[in-house]
N, C-alpha and C. Protein backbone atom coordinates (compact mmCIF):
# COMPACT_ATOMS: atom_id res chain seq x y z
N MET A 1 -34.04 118.65 108.11
CA MET A 1 -33.85 117.84 107.59
C MET A 1 -33.12 117.82 106.05
N LYS A 2 -32.49 116.43 106.34
CA LYS A 2 -31.27 116.31 105.78
C LYS A 2 -31.19 115.59 104.42
N LYS A 3 -30.84 115.97 103.75
CA LYS A 3 -31.21 115.43 102.25
C LYS A 3 -30.06 114.53 101.79
N ARG A 4 -30.66 113.19 101.26
CA ARG A 4 -30.29 111.87 101.33
C ARG A 4 -29.04 112.42 99.67
N ILE A 5 -28.11 112.10 99.34
CA ILE A 5 -27.01 112.27 98.12
C ILE A 5 -26.92 110.75 97.88
N GLY A 6 -27.15 110.84 96.57
CA GLY A 6 -27.37 109.45 95.71
C GLY A 6 -26.17 108.90 95.17
N LYS A 7 -25.99 107.43 95.14
CA LYS A 7 -24.60 106.97 94.73
C LYS A 7 -25.36 106.63 92.79
N PRO A 8 -24.29 106.52 92.00
CA PRO A 8 -24.26 106.44 90.97
C PRO A 8 -24.95 104.60 90.27
N GLY A 9 -26.34 105.36 89.94
CA GLY A 9 -26.95 104.41 89.03
C GLY A 9 -28.15 104.29 90.26
N GLU A 10 -28.57 105.70 91.36
CA GLU A 10 -29.92 105.33 91.87
C GLU A 10 -30.85 106.02 90.62
N PRO A 11 -31.97 105.75 91.50
CA PRO A 11 -32.54 107.00 90.69
C PRO A 11 -32.41 108.10 90.97
N ALA A 12 -33.00 109.38 90.53
CA ALA A 12 -32.68 110.47 90.82
C ALA A 12 -33.94 110.81 91.61
N SER A 13 -34.76 110.71 91.64
CA SER A 13 -35.82 111.00 92.57
C SER A 13 -35.23 110.30 93.80
N ALA A 14 -34.97 110.22 94.08
CA ALA A 14 -33.74 109.40 95.60
C ALA A 14 -33.26 110.76 95.43
N THR A 15 -32.65 111.64 95.15
CA THR A 15 -31.48 112.50 95.44
C THR A 15 -32.08 114.10 95.07
N SER A 16 -31.11 115.12 95.35
CA SER A 16 -31.54 116.89 94.97
C SER A 16 -31.28 116.45 93.45
N ALA A 17 -32.00 117.50 93.30
CA ALA A 17 -32.15 117.60 91.84
C ALA A 17 -30.29 118.65 91.07
N PRO A 18 -29.63 118.64 90.12
CA PRO A 18 -28.31 119.11 90.37
C PRO A 18 -28.92 120.52 89.28
N GLU A 19 -27.77 121.60 89.95
CA GLU A 19 -28.25 122.88 89.88
C GLU A 19 -26.99 123.01 89.18
N ASP A 20 -27.88 123.84 87.79
CA ASP A 20 -27.00 124.51 86.48
C ASP A 20 -25.54 125.54 86.92
N ASP A 21 -24.80 124.98 86.66
CA ASP A 21 -23.52 125.59 86.96
C ASP A 21 -22.87 126.29 86.11
N GLY A 22 -23.27 126.02 84.85
CA GLY A 22 -22.96 126.87 83.37
C GLY A 22 -22.03 126.47 82.84
N GLN A 23 -21.68 125.07 83.10
CA GLN A 23 -20.73 124.10 82.50
C GLN A 23 -21.20 123.44 81.75
N PRO A 24 -21.01 122.85 80.78
CA PRO A 24 -21.40 122.05 79.26
C PRO A 24 -21.25 120.52 80.08
N SER A 25 -22.70 119.71 79.26
CA SER A 25 -22.51 118.29 80.35
C SER A 25 -21.46 117.40 79.61
N VAL A 26 -21.28 116.53 79.98
CA VAL A 26 -20.83 115.50 79.62
C VAL A 26 -21.01 115.26 78.30
N ARG A 27 -22.84 114.99 78.23
CA ARG A 27 -23.12 114.83 76.63
C ARG A 27 -22.46 115.71 75.75
N GLU A 28 -23.17 117.01 76.16
CA GLU A 28 -22.78 118.06 75.47
C GLU A 28 -21.20 118.10 74.66
N ARG A 29 -20.57 118.20 75.54
CA ARG A 29 -18.98 118.12 74.73
C ARG A 29 -18.72 116.47 74.53
N VAL A 30 -18.91 115.23 74.56
CA VAL A 30 -18.75 114.34 73.35
C VAL A 30 -19.46 115.41 72.13
N GLU A 31 -20.64 116.15 71.79
CA GLU A 31 -21.34 115.80 70.92
C GLU A 31 -20.29 116.81 70.30
N ASP A 32 -19.99 117.76 70.93
CA ASP A 32 -18.97 118.77 70.17
C ASP A 32 -17.34 118.60 69.58
N ALA A 33 -17.13 117.85 70.48
CA ALA A 33 -15.55 117.13 70.27
C ALA A 33 -15.12 116.83 68.82
N PRO A 34 -15.74 116.15 67.76
CA PRO A 34 -15.09 116.45 66.51
C PRO A 34 -14.70 117.94 65.94
N GLY A 35 -15.91 118.75 66.39
CA GLY A 35 -15.26 120.29 65.74
C GLY A 35 -14.26 121.25 66.79
N VAL A 36 -14.29 120.58 67.76
CA VAL A 36 -13.35 121.31 69.15
C VAL A 36 -12.43 120.50 68.54
N SER A 37 -11.82 118.75 68.33
CA SER A 37 -10.74 118.21 67.92
C SER A 37 -10.16 118.26 67.09
N ALA A 38 -10.69 118.98 66.01
CA ALA A 38 -10.18 119.74 64.41
C ALA A 38 -9.29 120.75 64.83
N ALA A 39 -10.42 121.64 65.86
CA ALA A 39 -9.33 123.18 65.69
C ALA A 39 -8.42 123.14 66.51
N ARG A 40 -8.40 122.08 67.82
CA ARG A 40 -6.90 122.21 68.61
C ARG A 40 -5.53 121.97 67.63
N GLU A 41 -6.32 120.70 66.94
CA GLU A 41 -5.21 119.98 66.14
C GLU A 41 -4.60 120.71 65.41
N SER A 42 -5.43 121.68 64.34
CA SER A 42 -5.13 122.92 63.78
C SER A 42 -4.04 123.70 64.59
N ALA A 43 -4.09 124.36 65.16
CA ALA A 43 -4.02 125.32 66.11
C ALA A 43 -2.18 124.65 66.29
N ALA A 44 -2.22 123.41 66.94
CA ALA A 44 -1.26 122.32 67.47
C ALA A 44 -0.38 122.28 66.42
N ASN A 45 -0.80 122.26 65.39
CA ASN A 45 0.27 122.11 64.14
C ASN A 45 0.63 123.00 63.62
N GLY A 46 0.06 124.84 63.62
CA GLY A 46 0.48 126.39 63.43
C GLY A 46 1.73 126.18 64.52
N TYR A 47 1.50 125.98 65.99
CA TYR A 47 2.26 126.41 66.80
C TYR A 47 3.64 125.38 66.57
N ALA A 48 3.38 124.18 66.44
CA ALA A 48 4.93 122.80 65.75
C ALA A 48 4.95 123.69 64.10
N ARG A 49 4.91 123.88 63.36
CA ARG A 49 5.32 124.77 62.24
C ARG A 49 5.49 125.39 62.80
N ALA A 50 5.36 126.75 63.51
CA ALA A 50 6.19 128.20 64.56
C ALA A 50 7.53 127.34 65.03
N ALA A 51 7.58 126.17 65.57
CA ALA A 51 9.05 125.90 66.94
C ALA A 51 9.86 125.44 65.54
N LEU A 52 9.43 125.05 64.64
CA LEU A 52 10.35 124.06 64.10
C LEU A 52 11.32 125.40 62.98
N GLY A 53 10.65 126.42 62.68
CA GLY A 53 10.97 127.51 61.55
C GLY A 53 11.37 128.23 63.12
N LYS A 54 11.67 128.38 63.98
CA LYS A 54 12.03 128.94 65.34
C LYS A 54 13.17 128.15 65.28
N ALA A 55 13.57 126.89 65.37
CA ALA A 55 14.58 125.59 65.54
C ALA A 55 15.63 126.03 64.64
N LYS A 56 15.37 126.02 63.12
CA LYS A 56 15.93 126.09 61.50
C LYS A 56 16.82 127.23 61.98
N THR A 57 15.94 128.58 62.77
CA THR A 57 16.10 129.71 62.85
C THR A 57 17.64 129.62 63.22
N LEU A 58 17.14 129.50 64.31
CA LEU A 58 18.76 129.29 65.45
C LEU A 58 19.62 128.66 65.46
N THR A 59 19.37 127.34 64.37
CA THR A 59 20.32 126.19 64.40
C THR A 59 21.19 126.64 63.52
N ALA A 60 20.63 127.64 61.92
CA ALA A 60 21.63 128.14 61.19
C ALA A 60 22.55 129.62 62.02
N ALA A 61 21.45 130.27 62.76
CA ALA A 61 22.77 131.08 63.50
C ALA A 61 23.80 130.66 64.70
N ALA A 62 23.73 129.30 65.16
CA ALA A 62 24.49 128.77 66.10
C ALA A 62 25.48 128.47 64.78
N ALA A 63 25.72 128.12 63.95
CA ALA A 63 26.03 127.02 62.97
C ALA A 63 27.08 128.36 62.35
N SER A 64 26.74 129.65 61.63
CA SER A 64 27.62 130.52 61.36
C SER A 64 28.06 130.92 62.58
N GLY A 65 27.80 131.27 63.67
CA GLY A 65 29.14 131.97 64.80
C GLY A 65 29.63 130.85 65.13
N THR A 66 29.45 129.64 65.31
CA THR A 66 30.82 128.40 65.84
C THR A 66 31.19 128.09 64.62
N ARG A 67 30.99 128.60 62.99
CA ARG A 67 32.23 128.77 62.11
C ARG A 67 33.18 129.95 62.60
N LYS A 68 32.76 130.72 62.55
CA LYS A 68 33.30 131.78 62.72
C LYS A 68 34.70 132.03 64.31
N ILE A 69 34.44 130.84 65.23
CA ILE A 69 34.60 130.59 66.74
C ILE A 69 36.56 130.01 66.43
N PRO A 70 37.10 129.62 65.23
CA PRO A 70 38.04 128.41 64.97
C PRO A 70 39.14 130.65 64.61
N GLY A 71 38.29 131.26 63.61
CA GLY A 71 39.04 131.53 62.86
C GLY A 71 39.72 132.91 63.94
N LYS A 72 38.63 133.27 65.30
CA LYS A 72 38.62 134.28 66.20
C LYS A 72 39.95 133.69 66.94
N VAL A 73 39.53 132.05 67.67
CA VAL A 73 41.21 131.76 68.32
C VAL A 73 42.75 131.36 67.81
N VAL A 74 42.20 131.26 66.44
CA VAL A 74 43.78 131.50 65.62
C VAL A 74 44.22 132.49 65.88
N ALA A 75 43.20 133.94 65.49
CA ALA A 75 44.12 135.23 65.65
C ALA A 75 44.23 135.81 66.64
N LYS A 76 44.15 135.37 68.06
CA LYS A 76 44.41 135.24 69.38
C LYS A 76 45.56 134.89 69.55
N VAL A 77 45.52 133.44 69.05
CA VAL A 77 46.77 133.05 69.50
C VAL A 77 47.94 133.27 68.59
N ARG A 78 48.06 133.50 67.47
CA ARG A 78 48.48 134.42 66.53
C ARG A 78 49.08 135.98 67.23
N GLU A 79 48.51 136.66 67.78
CA GLU A 79 48.06 137.57 68.44
C GLU A 79 49.33 137.65 69.86
N MET A 80 49.67 136.77 70.22
CA MET A 80 49.54 136.59 71.78
C MET A 80 51.35 135.87 71.30
N ASP A 81 51.39 134.86 70.49
CA ASP A 81 52.63 134.92 69.97
C ASP A 81 53.48 135.54 69.50
N ALA A 82 53.03 136.70 68.83
CA ALA A 82 53.17 137.52 68.29
C ALA A 82 54.40 138.55 70.02
N ASN A 83 53.71 138.60 70.35
CA ASN A 83 54.10 139.49 71.68
C ASN A 83 54.44 138.71 73.06
N HIS A 84 55.16 137.12 72.87
CA HIS A 84 55.03 136.47 73.62
C HIS A 84 55.93 137.01 74.66
N LYS A 85 57.18 138.36 74.74
CA LYS A 85 57.83 138.70 75.57
C LYS A 85 56.60 139.47 76.70
N GLU A 86 55.55 139.92 76.01
CA GLU A 86 54.57 140.35 77.16
C GLU A 86 53.84 139.95 77.60
N VAL A 87 53.58 137.99 77.28
CA VAL A 87 52.73 137.79 77.73
C VAL A 87 52.97 137.09 78.57
N ALA A 88 54.14 136.43 78.72
CA ALA A 88 55.17 135.84 80.24
C ALA A 88 55.64 136.78 80.99
N ASP A 89 55.66 138.13 80.13
CA ASP A 89 55.80 138.87 81.39
C ASP A 89 54.68 139.19 82.27
N ARG A 90 53.38 139.28 82.04
CA ARG A 90 51.85 138.87 82.50
C ARG A 90 51.71 138.15 83.52
N ILE A 91 51.57 136.72 83.06
CA ILE A 91 51.60 135.77 83.48
C ILE A 91 52.55 135.63 84.62
N ASP A 92 53.98 135.81 84.91
CA ASP A 92 54.49 136.12 85.91
C ASP A 92 54.49 137.04 86.73
N THR A 93 53.98 137.94 86.20
CA THR A 93 52.99 138.90 87.60
C THR A 93 52.27 138.47 88.04
N VAL A 94 51.50 137.80 87.48
CA VAL A 94 50.24 136.83 88.84
C VAL A 94 50.38 136.12 89.13
N SER A 95 51.53 135.12 88.75
CA SER A 95 51.84 133.85 89.01
C SER A 95 52.72 134.69 90.70
N MET A 96 53.32 135.42 90.71
CA MET A 96 54.31 136.37 91.41
C MET A 96 53.17 136.90 92.83
N GLY A 97 52.29 136.98 92.25
CA GLY A 97 50.80 137.68 93.18
C GLY A 97 50.39 136.82 93.47
N LEU A 98 50.12 135.65 93.07
CA LEU A 98 49.72 134.37 93.99
C LEU A 98 50.44 134.06 94.07
N GLY A 99 51.44 133.63 94.55
CA GLY A 99 52.72 133.03 95.43
C GLY A 99 52.84 134.04 96.46
N ILE A 100 53.17 134.80 96.64
CA ILE A 100 52.72 135.86 97.33
C ILE A 100 51.22 135.85 98.36
N THR A 101 50.17 135.90 98.34
CA THR A 101 48.93 135.29 98.44
C THR A 101 49.29 134.30 98.86
N SER A 102 49.77 133.32 98.63
CA SER A 102 49.55 132.02 98.83
C SER A 102 49.86 131.74 100.67
N GLY A 103 51.79 132.52 100.59
CA GLY A 103 52.46 132.90 101.56
C GLY A 103 51.43 133.30 102.68
N VAL A 104 50.40 133.96 102.08
CA VAL A 104 50.14 134.75 103.17
C VAL A 104 48.88 133.65 104.03
N VAL A 105 48.37 133.32 103.06
CA VAL A 105 47.24 132.94 103.44
C VAL A 105 47.41 131.31 104.47
N SER A 106 48.54 130.78 103.85
CA SER A 106 49.69 129.91 104.88
C SER A 106 49.75 130.00 106.18
N ALA A 107 50.23 131.65 106.38
CA ALA A 107 50.70 131.27 107.53
C ALA A 107 49.74 131.87 108.33
N GLY A 108 48.61 132.69 107.71
CA GLY A 108 47.44 133.19 108.81
C GLY A 108 46.51 131.85 108.76
N ALA A 109 46.65 130.87 107.94
CA ALA A 109 45.70 129.66 108.23
C ALA A 109 46.85 129.19 109.63
N VAL A 110 47.73 129.02 109.56
CA VAL A 110 48.80 128.02 110.54
C VAL A 110 48.15 128.27 111.78
N LEU A 111 48.07 130.26 111.87
CA LEU A 111 48.00 130.81 112.96
C LEU A 111 46.44 130.80 113.27
N ALA A 112 45.59 130.46 112.53
CA ALA A 112 43.86 130.35 113.12
C ALA A 112 43.61 129.06 113.55
N ALA A 113 44.27 127.35 113.15
CA ALA A 113 43.76 126.48 112.75
C ALA A 113 43.61 125.85 114.27
N PRO A 114 42.43 125.06 114.33
CA PRO A 114 41.94 124.71 115.04
C PRO A 114 42.99 124.04 115.76
N THR A 115 43.28 123.97 117.52
CA THR A 115 43.87 123.31 118.46
C THR A 115 42.84 123.15 119.81
N GLY A 116 43.26 121.54 119.96
CA GLY A 116 42.40 121.90 121.54
C GLY A 116 41.19 120.71 121.04
N LEU A 117 40.87 121.45 122.02
CA LEU A 117 39.06 120.97 122.18
C LEU A 117 38.55 121.47 120.63
N SER A 118 38.89 122.68 120.26
CA SER A 118 38.55 123.42 119.56
C SER A 118 38.71 122.25 117.63
N ALA A 119 39.68 122.09 117.59
CA ALA A 119 40.24 121.53 116.68
C ALA A 119 39.02 119.91 116.74
N LEU A 120 39.10 119.11 118.29
CA LEU A 120 38.75 117.93 118.30
C LEU A 120 36.64 118.73 117.50
N SER A 121 35.77 119.22 117.70
CA SER A 121 34.85 119.77 117.72
C SER A 121 34.65 119.96 116.09
N VAL A 122 36.10 120.68 115.73
CA VAL A 122 36.09 120.59 114.28
C VAL A 122 35.90 119.21 113.46
N ALA A 123 36.60 118.13 114.01
CA ALA A 123 36.98 116.56 113.51
C ALA A 123 35.46 116.21 113.58
N LEU A 124 34.79 116.37 114.29
CA LEU A 124 33.36 115.49 114.86
C LEU A 124 32.39 116.45 114.09
N GLY A 125 32.63 117.60 113.77
CA GLY A 125 31.42 118.31 112.66
C GLY A 125 30.76 119.06 113.27
N LEU A 126 30.94 119.16 114.68
CA LEU A 126 30.18 120.25 115.76
C LEU A 126 30.35 121.62 115.52
N SER A 127 31.57 121.92 114.70
CA SER A 127 32.18 123.53 113.79
C SER A 127 32.56 123.40 113.11
N SER A 128 33.03 124.74 112.42
CA SER A 128 33.73 124.96 110.99
C SER A 128 34.81 125.23 111.97
N ALA A 129 35.84 124.49 110.52
CA ALA A 129 36.75 125.64 110.50
C ALA A 129 37.17 126.96 110.02
N PRO A 130 37.93 127.68 110.45
CA PRO A 130 38.19 129.08 110.31
C PRO A 130 38.14 129.71 108.93
N LEU A 131 37.43 130.13 107.82
CA LEU A 131 37.63 130.15 106.01
C LEU A 131 38.76 130.13 105.65
N ILE A 132 40.04 130.87 106.68
CA ILE A 132 41.27 131.17 105.94
C ILE A 132 41.90 129.70 106.43
N VAL A 133 41.74 128.64 107.11
CA VAL A 133 42.04 127.66 106.41
C VAL A 133 41.28 126.57 105.51
N THR A 134 40.40 126.76 105.35
CA THR A 134 39.52 125.94 103.93
C THR A 134 39.96 127.13 103.17
N ALA A 135 40.34 127.91 102.95
CA ALA A 135 40.47 128.32 101.46
C ALA A 135 42.23 128.11 101.35
N ALA A 136 42.75 128.04 102.23
CA ALA A 136 44.52 128.47 101.95
C ALA A 136 44.55 126.90 101.03
N PRO A 137 44.59 126.21 100.93
CA PRO A 137 44.64 124.56 99.86
C PRO A 137 44.71 125.22 98.85
N ILE A 138 43.27 125.95 98.37
CA ILE A 138 42.57 126.43 97.21
C ILE A 138 43.65 127.32 96.21
N VAL A 139 43.76 128.27 97.45
CA VAL A 139 44.77 129.39 96.83
C VAL A 139 46.53 128.62 96.87
N GLY A 140 46.72 127.92 97.35
CA GLY A 140 48.32 127.30 97.18
C GLY A 140 48.13 126.48 95.73
N ALA A 141 46.84 126.12 95.23
CA ALA A 141 46.81 125.19 94.27
C ALA A 141 46.72 125.76 93.02
N ALA A 142 45.41 127.32 93.37
CA ALA A 142 46.01 128.08 92.13
C ALA A 142 47.24 129.42 91.75
N ALA A 143 48.24 129.32 93.27
CA ALA A 143 49.09 129.34 92.67
C ALA A 143 50.29 128.54 92.20
N ALA A 144 50.17 127.07 92.71
CA ALA A 144 51.15 126.13 92.34
C ALA A 144 50.78 126.08 90.08
N VAL A 145 48.98 126.09 90.06
CA VAL A 145 49.24 126.75 89.09
C VAL A 145 49.64 127.18 87.66
N THR A 146 49.65 128.70 88.49
CA THR A 146 49.44 129.98 87.89
C THR A 146 51.34 129.53 87.40
N GLY A 147 52.28 129.34 88.78
CA GLY A 147 53.79 129.10 88.77
C GLY A 147 53.89 128.24 87.11
N ALA A 148 53.45 127.29 87.30
CA ALA A 148 53.52 126.51 85.75
C ALA A 148 53.18 127.11 84.84
N LEU A 149 52.15 127.20 85.00
CA LEU A 149 52.04 128.46 83.37
C LEU A 149 53.19 129.32 83.14
N SER A 150 53.23 130.01 84.24
CA SER A 150 54.27 131.39 84.20
C SER A 150 56.12 130.00 84.04
N GLY A 151 56.54 129.80 84.39
CA GLY A 151 57.26 128.56 84.02
C GLY A 151 57.60 128.26 82.76
N GLY A 152 56.38 128.03 81.78
CA GLY A 152 55.81 127.10 80.62
C GLY A 152 56.02 128.71 79.86
N ALA A 153 55.78 129.39 79.99
CA ALA A 153 55.67 130.92 79.21
C ALA A 153 57.05 131.35 79.46
N TYR A 154 57.72 131.89 80.12
CA TYR A 154 58.80 131.70 80.59
C TYR A 154 59.82 130.88 79.64
N PHE A 155 60.02 129.99 79.60
CA PHE A 155 60.67 128.84 78.71
C PHE A 155 60.69 129.16 77.15
N TYR A 156 59.23 129.15 76.41
CA TYR A 156 58.87 129.26 75.30
C TYR A 156 59.01 130.52 75.00
N SER A 157 59.06 131.49 75.60
CA SER A 157 59.40 133.21 75.25
C SER A 157 60.60 133.18 75.01
N LYS A 158 61.60 132.29 75.92
CA LYS A 158 62.60 132.16 75.81
C LYS A 158 63.57 131.14 74.73
N TRP A 159 62.72 130.29 74.04
CA TRP A 159 62.74 129.49 72.91
C TRP A 159 62.57 130.33 71.84
N LYS A 160 61.44 131.05 71.42
CA LYS A 160 60.82 131.44 70.67
C LYS A 160 62.49 132.98 70.77
N ALA A 161 62.82 133.66 71.53
CA ALA A 161 63.55 134.97 71.24
C ALA A 161 64.73 134.02 70.61
N ALA A 162 65.05 133.01 71.00
CA ALA A 162 66.58 132.67 70.52
C ALA A 162 66.11 132.03 68.89
N LYS A 163 64.73 131.46 69.04
CA LYS A 163 64.59 131.24 67.43
C LYS A 163 64.73 132.43 66.61
N GLU A 164 64.05 133.67 66.87
CA GLU A 164 64.29 134.86 66.39
C GLU A 164 65.33 135.34 65.90
N ARG A 165 66.49 135.73 67.23
CA ARG A 165 68.18 135.93 66.84
C ARG A 165 68.58 135.00 65.66
N ARG A 166 68.29 133.94 65.75
CA ARG A 166 68.86 132.65 64.96
C ARG A 166 68.31 132.97 63.49
N ALA A 167 67.04 133.20 63.27
CA ALA A 167 66.19 133.57 62.04
C ALA A 167 67.25 134.85 61.69
N ALA A 168 67.20 135.70 62.74
CA ALA A 168 67.95 136.85 61.90
C ALA A 168 69.84 137.37 61.95
N ARG A 169 70.27 136.02 62.45
CA ARG A 169 71.59 136.14 61.90
C ARG A 169 71.62 135.11 61.10
N ASP A 170 70.77 133.57 60.59
CA ASP A 170 71.36 133.19 59.20
C ASP A 170 70.96 134.20 58.49
N SER A 171 69.50 135.43 58.10
CA SER A 171 69.63 136.43 57.45
C SER A 171 70.59 136.87 56.70
N ARG A 172 71.39 137.44 57.42
CA ARG A 172 72.25 138.47 57.11
C ARG A 172 73.44 137.91 56.03
N PRO A 173 74.23 138.52 55.16
CA PRO A 173 74.72 137.92 53.78
C PRO A 173 76.22 137.28 55.00
N PRO A 174 76.67 136.63 54.55
CA PRO A 174 77.92 136.55 54.84
C PRO A 174 79.27 137.05 54.99
N ASP A 175 79.13 138.33 54.37
CA ASP A 175 80.20 139.00 54.46
C ASP A 175 80.02 140.27 55.06
N SER A 176 78.93 140.20 56.24
CA SER A 176 78.34 141.26 57.39
C SER A 176 79.75 141.04 58.15
N PRO A 177 79.82 142.01 58.98
CA PRO A 177 80.93 142.35 59.79
C PRO A 177 80.60 142.09 61.34
N ASP A 178 78.94 142.34 61.34
CA ASP A 178 78.69 141.36 62.64
C ASP A 178 78.61 139.80 63.00
N ILE A 179 79.12 139.27 61.88
CA ILE A 179 78.85 137.72 62.41
C ILE A 179 80.39 137.31 63.02
N ALA A 180 81.51 138.05 62.84
CA ALA A 180 82.46 137.63 63.21
C ALA A 180 82.51 137.85 64.74
N GLN A 181 81.16 138.41 65.61
CA GLN A 181 80.71 138.87 66.91
C GLN A 181 80.30 137.72 67.65
């Protein structure tokens, strides 16, 4: 025998009796709503206050750390300026290494570049170019950037050394025997 499930608004006599599933009914929930709502609102306010306190603490810590950064940057720049020859030499070494690497990668890319039908399949997107062909422009760009930095550091170091020599020469007394040289 089939049981008929009633539509909303039909009398309950035509439908089977609902079983108690342990959940509160809608009427019970509505009756408890003011007390539950006040408790939830109180808990939410407590969480909000805790979050605001944590945000204020984090903001103060970030502001404190941010104030220290310019001093550290200035100290590092002064240290690099005092050791300008060593800095220029290190940048020059890196630049030379990347220049050599760029030359080797470029030669490898020329040898590994696809030709003929394989070049056509790469152009159509059916296959991919070898990694060395893809990496060659990136390595070349890195070599160019470090070359420019190396040149700038070299000329800055040369200017700084000449300035230091002029300052040392100007600080000597006029009757010093080294002036005639």
